[in-house]
Amino acid sequence: MAAMARASSGLQYPDRFYAAASYAGFDGSPKSSSKALRSKFSDEAALLLYGLYQQATVGRCNVPEPSSWHAIEKSKWKSWDGLGNMVPAEAMRLFVKILEEEEPGWYSRVSSFVPEPEPILDVQINNDPKIEPIIENGNSIPETKNISTENGSLPETQDKDVLVEGLGSIVVYDQWISPPVSGLRPKARYEHGAAVIQDKMYIFGGNHNGRYLSDLHVLDLRSWAWTKLEAKTQSPESPPEKLTPCAGHSLIPWENKLLSVAGHTKDPSDAIQVRVFDVQTSTWSNLKTYGKPPASRGGQSVTLVGTSVVIFGGQDAKRTLLNDLHILDLETMTWDEIDAVGAPPSPRSDHAAAVHAERYLLIFGGGSHATCFNDLHVLDLQAMEWSRPTQQGDIPTPRAGHAGVTVGENWFIVGGGDNKNGVSETAVLNMSTLVWSVVTSVQGRVPIASEGISLVVSSYGGEDILVSFGGYNGRYTNEVNVLKPSHKSTLQSKMMATPVPDSVSAVHNITNPTRDVESEFEGAQEGKIREIVMDNIESDHLKNKSEPTKELVSTLKAEKEELESSLNKEKIHSLQLKQELSDAENRNDELYKELQSVRLQLVAEQSRCFKLEVDVAELRQKLQTMETLQKELDLLQRQKAASEEAFKAKQKQGSGGVWGWLAGSPPPEEA
């Protein structure tokens, strides 16, 4: 079964463009139809039509700038050159739109061009995995297919979203398609890491049937070919070793390298591990950091803001949900734990985070052990203050395990689930207005409606594309899906960054290839397009117009240099403060050690004093005993002396009685 998507009523592109060009009077030469254009259209419209026709049929302007003496030719050249790298298909659309503004009934008056309408897109929606390439102009072009669904249904593609570009490549805005990829696909997985460097998407790690993975694959976003990288693990102190499998980590690009931050492992460590992959040498190494690192975790958000990495939330190895905030300075490799003011988001994991204007960190969704969230929190990275703004528009349902990327000021949210069903809508948040809208929706159990999905942004044909991979929605998947958003274009940003003449300033406001290009053109058309003057343009006048721009650029450059100088001074001052803080911490450690030593000495002295007091008490007791013994000794000595005297007296008495007895006298009677 096939669904045929056609352009607006009547002719298809590019036939509609050629019919419009024929009506306007173009014959294909660079100097064609000047008089015919001036007779049918205003000068400003004629100049725009000329530039768009040249861009659509020839391509980017590569002819030399005409002399100032030929004012008309020079203004025509400026109109063409000012379109820059605009793709031919977009130039065709704008040409027809301007013609319809100037001549609303032009199509009904076309008589010399007989159309033969043909379909320009055949979108396969069956489940046939065999994809045959489309052959056009001798070139083989892979055919895109829409995402297969369980019931075979497909959201209707609006006609104005379908373009034919380049050599026949087909672009469908705001619809997920599955490109035909080649090479050996990675194993199906979820909770993996994904990042883009130089038009290549790297996939690392993940979870498959409860087993953590450590393989590394790369998808070339030009050829759509998979390649498995045989990466090595090298540390300065040890020989190559096996890389630790992980899931729930974050993979971010940094200076032509990949940073793998945190993640669940079989044997978790105490602190977060940061590993670096060098895409040039295909080598993994551990990043040496300073300060106190956060506790190990998975399901956290990791956001690159300038030269710093901001980590929020997650779940540790004990399944404890976290809502702490840490920053790793990639210049000093120093960790800092941030205690921001305000009410932070509740502890959660598997949420999404993005940075807006290099100042505001946005946190959306996530889950706890019991529920999922759809709240939005904003952290001012300058004031370090949390807030919870009011969301508007089609606010997404609660979800966890979703993925998000930013394109300009738009934040796209894809996938996720609520532990029951996968989320089918692809939502976008305008980070300036905080208004949600739905980009597209899929039906059935498809890979886009999965948890643990990865999402990256890249460019293809001068426009931004979203690329998703993997996920789990009841089964593991390894499919790649692509969406070309109409909300923001890299092409527009590049054109706005290039100074162009005021004569084509109106084109800048309508180069966004969106589904709303017609309405945007109407707003930009009034006022600005009237600035174009076809005849008698003086070269001095054109030069004078560019002088304020040059002055403004010079002023901005001077301000930029001044800001960079101030920033460098602040960085130097910050490094000095960090060094002073480190010295103070070292001194504090030394003083603490001395204090501990003194405390130990004091304890020893107290113990010795206690022993001395015990000895003194014993000596006092002995002294009292000796005094008692001395008294008893004195008493005994006195008694002895008295006994001796009494004995002597008895001896004297006894000796007189003996002599008397010898003399015959009787002894005296005892009293």
Foldseek 3Di string as FASTA:
>chain_A
DKDFFAAPPDAGPPLVLVLLCVLQFAPPDLPTDPVSNVVQDPQLLSLLLSLLVCCLPPNADDDDQDDLVPVQSNSSSQSNNLLPHQFNFLSSVVNVLSSCVRPVCSVVVRDPDDDDHDTLAIADADPDPDWAFDAAPNDTHGHKHAFHFPVSDDPDQHNLQWTQGDRGDIAGALGKIFTDAEEDFDDFFFQWEWEDDPQKIKTAWGADPRDIGGWIWIARNVRRYIDTDPAWEDEPVDHTDDDFGWGQWYWYDDPQKIWTWAGDGPDADQFIWIWIARPVRSYIYTDDADDDGHGGFGQWEWEDQPQKIKIAWGAHPVRDFGGWIWMQRNVRRYIDTDDADEDTDDGFGQWEWYDDPSFKIKIAWGDHPPWIGGFIWIAGNVRRYIDGDDAAAPRDDGFGQWYWDDAHQKIWIWWGDIVPFFFFWIKIARNVVNYIDTSDGDDHPGQRRFGRKYWYWDDDSQFIKIWIAWGDGPHGGGTIMIHGHLPHTSNLVVSVVDDGFLSNPLVSQQSRSHPCSSVSSVVSVPPSSVVRDNPDDRPVVRVVRCVVVVVVVVVVVVVVVVVVVVVVVVVVVVVVVVVVVVVVVVVVVVVVVVVVVVVVVVVVVVVVVVVVVVVVVVVVVVVVVVVVVVVVVVVVVVVVVVVVVVVVVVVVLVVVQVVCVVVVHHRDDDD
